[in-house]
PDB file of N, CA and C in Angstrom:
ATOM      1  N   MET A   1       3.515  -7.511  17.830  1.00  0.00           N
ATOM      2  CA  MET A   1       3.558  -5.825  16.839  1.00  0.00           C
ATOM      3  C   MET A   1       2.851  -6.166  15.705  1.00  0.00           C
ATOM      4  N   LYS A   2       4.022  -6.875  14.514  1.00  0.00           N
ATOM      5  CA  LYS A   2       3.119  -6.317  13.210  1.00  0.00           C
ATOM      6  C   LYS A   2       2.594  -7.028  12.752  1.00  0.00           C
ATOM      7  N   GLY A   3       1.602  -8.060  13.456  1.00  0.00           N
ATOM      8  CA  GLY A   3       0.451  -8.800  13.478  1.00  0.00           C
ATOM      9  C   GLY A   3      -0.194  -7.811  14.090  1.00  0.00           C
ATOM     10  N   ASN A   4      -0.304  -6.694  14.314  1.00  0.00           N
ATOM     11  CA  ASN A   4      -1.220  -6.242  15.113  1.00  0.00           C
ATOM     12  C   ASN A   4      -1.312  -4.734  14.356  1.00  0.00           C
ATOM     13  N   VAL A   5      -0.450  -4.425  13.243  1.00  0.00           N
ATOM     14  CA  VAL A   5      -0.374  -3.482  12.482  1.00  0.00           C
ATOM     15  C   VAL A   5      -1.808  -3.580  11.826  1.00  0.00           C
ATOM     16  N   PRO A   6      -1.455  -4.004  10.314  1.00  0.00           N
ATOM     17  CA  PRO A   6      -3.281  -4.436   9.898  1.00  0.00           C
ATOM     18  C   PRO A   6      -4.559  -4.584  10.599  1.00  0.00           C
ATOM     19  N   SER A   7      -4.286  -5.084  11.438  1.00  0.00           N
ATOM     20  CA  SER A   7      -5.628  -4.844  12.374  1.00  0.00           C
ATOM     21  C   SER A   7      -6.062  -3.962  13.168  1.00  0.00           C
ATOM     22  N   LEU A   8      -5.020  -2.555  13.232  1.00  0.00           N
ATOM     23  CA  LEU A   8      -5.229  -1.037  14.070  1.00  0.00           C
ATOM     24  C   LEU A   8      -5.523  -0.456  12.541  1.00  0.00           C
ATOM     25  N   ILE A   9      -4.807  -0.575  12.051  1.00  0.00           N
ATOM     26  CA  ILE A   9      -5.055   0.055  10.682  1.00  0.00           C
ATOM     27  C   ILE A   9      -6.858   0.167   9.505  1.00  0.00           C
ATOM     28  N   GLY A  10      -6.882  -1.578   8.914  1.00  0.00           N
ATOM     29  CA  GLY A  10      -8.326  -2.005   8.946  1.00  0.00           C
ATOM     30  C   GLY A  10      -9.907  -1.255   9.670  1.00  0.00           C
ATOM     31  N   GLU A  11      -8.503  -0.806  10.896  1.00  0.00           N
ATOM     32  CA  GLU A  11     -10.134  -0.362  11.583  1.00  0.00           C
ATOM     33  C   GLU A  11      -9.982   1.118  10.654  1.00  0.00           C
ATOM     34  N   ILE A  12      -9.147   1.577  11.034  1.00  0.00           N
ATOM     35  CA  ILE A  12      -9.358   3.399  10.203  1.00  0.00           C
ATOM     36  C   ILE A  12      -9.983   3.291   9.392  1.00  0.00           C
ATOM     37  N   PHE A  13      -9.707   2.637   8.316  1.00  0.00           N
ATOM     38  CA  PHE A  13     -10.075   2.865   7.039  1.00  0.00           C
ATOM     39  C   PHE A  13     -11.599   1.762   6.829  1.00  0.00           C
ATOM     40  N   THR A  14     -12.203   1.439   8.399  1.00  0.00           N
ATOM     41  CA  THR A  14     -12.671   1.009   7.927  1.00  0.00           C
ATOM     42  C   THR A  14     -13.756   1.956   8.433  1.00  0.00           C
ATOM     43  N   GLU A  15     -13.549   3.011   9.129  1.00  0.00           N
ATOM     44  CA  GLU A  15     -14.142   3.852  10.261  1.00  0.00           C
ATOM     45  C   GLU A  15     -13.902   5.056   8.940  1.00  0.00           C
ATOM     46  N   GLU A  16     -13.344   5.083   8.070  1.00  0.00           N
ATOM     47  CA  GLU A  16     -13.222   6.611   7.003  1.00  0.00           C
ATOM     48  C   GLU A  16     -13.870   5.442   6.011  1.00  0.00           C
ATOM     49  N   GLY A  17     -14.368   4.340   5.662  1.00  0.00           N
ATOM     50  CA  GLY A  17     -15.258   4.050   4.830  1.00  0.00           C
ATOM     51  C   GLY A  17     -14.337   3.494   3.751  1.00  0.00           C
ATOM     52  N   ARG A  18     -13.378   3.257   3.950  1.00  0.00           N
ATOM     53  CA  ARG A  18     -13.151   2.613   2.788  1.00  0.00           C
ATOM     54  C   ARG A  18     -12.068   0.648   2.986  1.00  0.00           C
ATOM     55  N   GLU A  19     -11.814   0.209   2.701  1.00  0.00           N
ATOM     56  CA  GLU A  19     -11.718  -1.426   3.258  1.00  0.00           C
ATOM     57  C   GLU A  19      -9.515  -1.192   2.064  1.00  0.00           C
ATOM     58  N   LEU A  20      -9.191  -2.025   3.779  1.00  0.00           N
ATOM     59  CA  LEU A  20      -8.485  -1.705   3.570  1.00  0.00           C
ATOM     60  C   LEU A  20      -7.569  -2.681   3.042  1.00  0.00           C
ATOM     61  N   THR A  21      -7.367  -2.694   1.903  1.00  0.00           N
ATOM     62  CA  THR A  21      -6.764  -3.979   0.193  1.00  0.00           C
ATOM     63  C   THR A  21      -5.504  -4.061   0.386  1.00  0.00           C
ATOM     64  N   MET A  22      -4.889  -5.368  -0.143  1.00  0.00           N
ATOM     65  CA  MET A  22      -3.851  -6.262  -0.739  1.00  0.00           C
ATOM     66  C   MET A  22      -2.804  -4.878  -0.625  1.00  0.00           C
ATOM     67  N   ARG A  23      -3.063  -4.097  -1.568  1.00  0.00           N
ATOM     68  CA  ARG A  23      -2.405  -2.796  -2.647  1.00  0.00           C
ATOM     69  C   ARG A  23      -2.096  -1.389  -1.667  1.00  0.00           C
ATOM     70  N   TYR A  24      -3.345  -1.305  -0.342  1.00  0.00           N
ATOM     71  CA  TYR A  24      -2.910  -0.104  -0.660  1.00  0.00           C
ATOM     72  C   TYR A  24      -1.629  -0.443   1.424  1.00  0.00           C
ATOM     73  N   SER A  25      -2.312  -2.223   1.600  1.00  0.00           N
ATOM     74  CA  SER A  25      -0.921  -2.929   2.810  1.00  0.00           C
ATOM     75  C   SER A  25      -0.007  -2.430   2.341  1.00  0.00           C
ATOM     76  N   ALA A  26       0.676  -2.984   1.022  1.00  0.00           N
ATOM     77  CA  ALA A  26       1.864  -3.316   0.383  1.00  0.00           C
ATOM     78  C   ALA A  26       1.908  -1.773  -0.063  1.00  0.00           C
ATOM     79  N   ILE A  27       1.603  -0.751   0.296  1.00  0.00           N
ATOM     80  CA  ILE A  27       2.022   0.905   0.544  1.00  0.00           C
ATOM     81  C   ILE A  27       2.438   0.939   1.244  1.00  0.00           C
ATOM     82  N   LEU A  28       1.597   0.220   2.573  1.00  0.00           N
ATOM     83  CA  LEU A  28       2.482   1.223   3.426  1.00  0.00           C
ATOM     84  C   LEU A  28       3.555   0.405   4.134  1.00  0.00           C
ATOM     85  N   GLU A  29       3.696  -0.992   4.061  1.00  0.00           N
ATOM     86  CA  GLU A  29       5.236  -2.074   4.140  1.00  0.00           C
ATOM     87  C   GLU A  29       5.992  -1.060   3.709  1.00  0.00           C
ATOM     88  N   ALA A  30       6.137  -0.306   1.569  1.00  0.00           N
ATOM     89  CA  ALA A  30       6.558   0.066   1.016  1.00  0.00           C
ATOM     90  C   ALA A  30       7.586   1.492   1.864  1.00  0.00           C
ATOM     91  N   VAL A  31       6.989   2.334   2.199  1.00  0.00           N
ATOM     92  CA  VAL A  31       6.711   3.078   2.691  1.00  0.00           C
ATOM     93  C   VAL A  31       7.671   2.508   4.448  1.00  0.00           C
ATOM     94  N   ALA A  32       6.977   1.532   5.067  1.00  0.00           N
ATOM     95  CA  ALA A  32       7.414   1.252   6.107  1.00  0.00           C
ATOM     96  C   ALA A  32       9.065   1.473   5.869  1.00  0.00           C
ATOM     97  N   ASP A  33       9.515   0.026   4.639  1.00  0.00           N
ATOM     98  CA  ASP A  33      10.377  -0.079   4.467  1.00  0.00           C
ATOM     99  C   ASP A  33      11.219   1.367   4.067  1.00  0.00           C
ATOM    100  N   GLY A  34      10.802   1.754   4.031  1.00  0.00           N
ATOM    101  CA  GLY A  34      12.057   2.960   3.575  1.00  0.00           C
ATOM    102  C   GLY A  34      11.653   3.862   2.037  1.00  0.00           C
ATOM    103  N   LYS A  35      11.103   3.156   1.373  1.00  0.00           N
ATOM    104  CA  LYS A  35      10.628   3.892   0.184  1.00  0.00           C
ATOM    105  C   LYS A  35       9.771   4.866   0.417  1.00  0.00           C
ATOM    106  N   SER A  36       9.983   6.092  -0.648  1.00  0.00           N
ATOM    107  CA  SER A  36       9.948   7.415  -1.034  1.00  0.00           C
ATOM    108  C   SER A  36       9.277   7.733  -1.518  1.00  0.00           C
ATOM    109  N   THR A  37       8.924   7.493  -2.552  1.00  0.00           N
ATOM    110  CA  THR A  37       9.255   8.027  -3.903  1.00  0.00           C
ATOM    111  C   THR A  37       7.730   7.255  -4.554  1.00  0.00           C
ATOM    112  N   SER A  38       6.957   7.558  -5.641  1.00  0.00           N
ATOM    113  CA  SER A  38       6.396   6.592  -6.544  1.00  0.00           C
ATOM    114  C   SER A  38       6.691   5.713  -6.867  1.00  0.00           C
ATOM    115  N   GLY A  39       7.598   6.123  -7.446  1.00  0.00           N
ATOM    116  CA  GLY A  39       8.617   4.888  -8.327  1.00  0.00           C
ATOM    117  C   GLY A  39       8.661   3.590  -7.845  1.00  0.00           C
ATOM    118  N   GLU A  40       9.860   4.324  -6.231  1.00  0.00           N
ATOM    119  CA  GLU A  40       9.620   2.982  -5.565  1.00  0.00           C
ATOM    120  C   GLU A  40       9.202   2.158  -5.202  1.00  0.00           C
ATOM    121  N   ILE A  41       7.823   2.547  -4.254  1.00  0.00           N
ATOM    122  CA  ILE A  41       6.816   2.218  -4.596  1.00  0.00           C
ATOM    123  C   ILE A  41       5.965   1.425  -5.644  1.00  0.00           C
ATOM    124  N   THR A  42       5.839   2.586  -6.219  1.00  0.00           N
ATOM    125  CA  THR A  42       5.670   1.568  -7.492  1.00  0.00           C
ATOM    126  C   THR A  42       5.995  -0.481  -8.348  1.00  0.00           C
ATOM    127  N   ASN A  43       7.410  -0.019  -8.185  1.00  0.00           N
ATOM    128  CA  ASN A  43       8.173  -1.225  -8.315  1.00  0.00           C
ATOM    129  C   ASN A  43       8.381  -2.001  -7.146  1.00  0.00           C
ATOM    130  N   LYS A  44       7.962  -2.104  -5.881  1.00  0.00           N
ATOM    131  CA  LYS A  44       7.233  -2.703  -4.865  1.00  0.00           C
ATOM    132  C   LYS A  44       6.874  -3.443  -5.039  1.00  0.00           C
ATOM    133  N   LEU A  45       5.256  -2.775  -5.613  1.00  0.00           N
ATOM    134  CA  LEU A  45       4.157  -3.178  -6.181  1.00  0.00           C
ATOM    135  C   LEU A  45       3.758  -4.140  -7.143  1.00  0.00           C
ATOM    136  N   TYR A  46       4.649  -3.773  -8.371  1.00  0.00           N
ATOM    137  CA  TYR A  46       4.070  -4.630  -9.423  1.00  0.00           C
ATOM    138  C   TYR A  46       5.172  -5.728  -9.103  1.00  0.00           C
ATOM    139  N   SER A  47       5.903  -5.305  -8.418  1.00  0.00           N
ATOM    140  CA  SER A  47       7.527  -7.063  -8.322  1.00  0.00           C
ATOM    141  C   SER A  47       6.630  -7.674  -7.731  1.00  0.00           C
ATOM    142  N   ARG A  48       5.216  -7.484  -6.785  1.00  0.00           N
ATOM    143  CA  ARG A  48       4.911  -8.690  -5.983  1.00  0.00           C
ATOM    144  C   ARG A  48       3.082  -8.142  -7.104  1.00  0.00           C
ATOM    145  N   GLY A  49       2.657  -8.341  -8.007  1.00  0.00           N
ATOM    146  CA  GLY A  49       1.665  -8.719  -8.978  1.00  0.00           C
ATOM    147  C   GLY A  49       0.721  -7.781  -8.189  1.00  0.00           C
ATOM    148  N   LEU A  50       0.634  -6.752  -7.649  1.00  0.00           N
ATOM    149  CA  LEU A  50      -0.629  -6.214  -7.182  1.00  0.00           C
ATOM    150  C   LEU A  50      -1.117  -5.156  -8.200  1.00  0.00           C
ATOM    151  N   ILE A  51      -0.058  -3.971  -8.859  1.00  0.00           N
ATOM    152  CA  ILE A  51      -1.382  -3.928 -10.322  1.00  0.00           C
ATOM    153  C   ILE A  51      -0.336  -4.577 -11.620  1.00  0.00           C
ATOM    154  N   GLU A  52      -1.113  -4.013 -12.147  1.00  0.00           N
ATOM    155  CA  GLU A  52      -1.150  -4.858 -13.590  1.00  0.00           C
ATOM    156  C   GLU A  52       0.531  -3.935 -14.623  1.00  0.00           C
ATOM    157  N   LYS A  53      -0.013  -2.953 -14.158  1.00  0.00           N
ATOM    158  CA  LYS A  53       1.975  -2.004 -14.582  1.00  0.00           C
ATOM    159  C   LYS A  53       2.658  -1.090 -14.345  1.00  0.00           C
ATOM    160  N   GLU A  54       3.363  -1.270 -14.698  1.00  0.00           N
ATOM    161  CA  GLU A  54       4.517  -0.776 -13.567  1.00  0.00           C
ATOM    162  C   GLU A  54       4.574   1.439 -13.514  1.00  0.00           C
ATOM    163  N   THR A  55       3.668   1.376 -13.229  1.00  0.00           N
ATOM    164  CA  THR A  55       3.064   2.812 -13.462  1.00  0.00           C
ATOM    165  C   THR A  55       3.240   3.979 -12.285  1.00  0.00           C
ATOM    166  N   SER A  56       3.885   5.184 -11.730  1.00  0.00           N
ATOM    167  CA  SER A  56       3.706   5.523 -11.157  1.00  0.00           C
ATOM    168  C   SER A  56       1.480   5.633 -10.724  1.00  0.00           C
ATOM    169  N   SER A  57       1.239   6.011 -11.507  1.00  0.00           N
ATOM    170  CA  SER A  57      -0.527   6.424 -11.561  1.00  0.00           C
ATOM    171  C   SER A  57      -0.754   5.643 -10.729  1.00  0.00           C
ATOM    172  N   ALA A  58      -0.499   4.510 -10.499  1.00  0.00           N
ATOM    173  CA  ALA A  58      -1.045   2.959  -9.327  1.00  0.00           C
ATOM    174  C   ALA A  58      -1.162   3.418  -8.736  1.00  0.00           C
ATOM    175  N   VAL A  59      -0.248   3.701  -8.060  1.00  0.00           N
ATOM    176  CA  VAL A  59      -0.427   4.313  -6.392  1.00  0.00           C
ATOM    177  C   VAL A  59      -0.578   6.425  -6.231  1.00  0.00           C
ATOM    178  N   ALA A  60      -0.034   7.161  -6.838  1.00  0.00           N
ATOM    179  CA  ALA A  60      -0.296   8.394  -6.426  1.00  0.00           C
ATOM    180  C   ALA A  60      -2.397   8.494  -6.808  1.00  0.00           C
ATOM    181  N   PRO A  61      -2.857   9.344  -6.147  1.00  0.00           N
ATOM    182  CA  PRO A  61      -3.934   9.744  -5.509  1.00  0.00           C
ATOM    183  C   PRO A  61      -4.715  10.277  -7.153  1.00  0.00           C
ATOM    184  N   SER A  62      -5.615  10.249  -7.539  1.00  0.00           N
ATOM    185  CA  SER A  62      -6.233  10.320  -8.441  1.00  0.00           C
ATOM    186  C   SER A  62      -6.890  11.264  -8.613  1.00  0.00           C
TER     187      SER A  62
END
């Protein structure tokens, strides 16, 4: 089941003209793991080396 989720989400992103990147995938994983604040999500992405700075603006919509 876990392997199917990225495929399904990737299809949705493609239909919307977006690319499912490692960063998007990690954000979804963080939310699924119970992370609910931008700070918690930012920390997870930073610790995985997916963002350069540990700043919430890296995961917030611009």
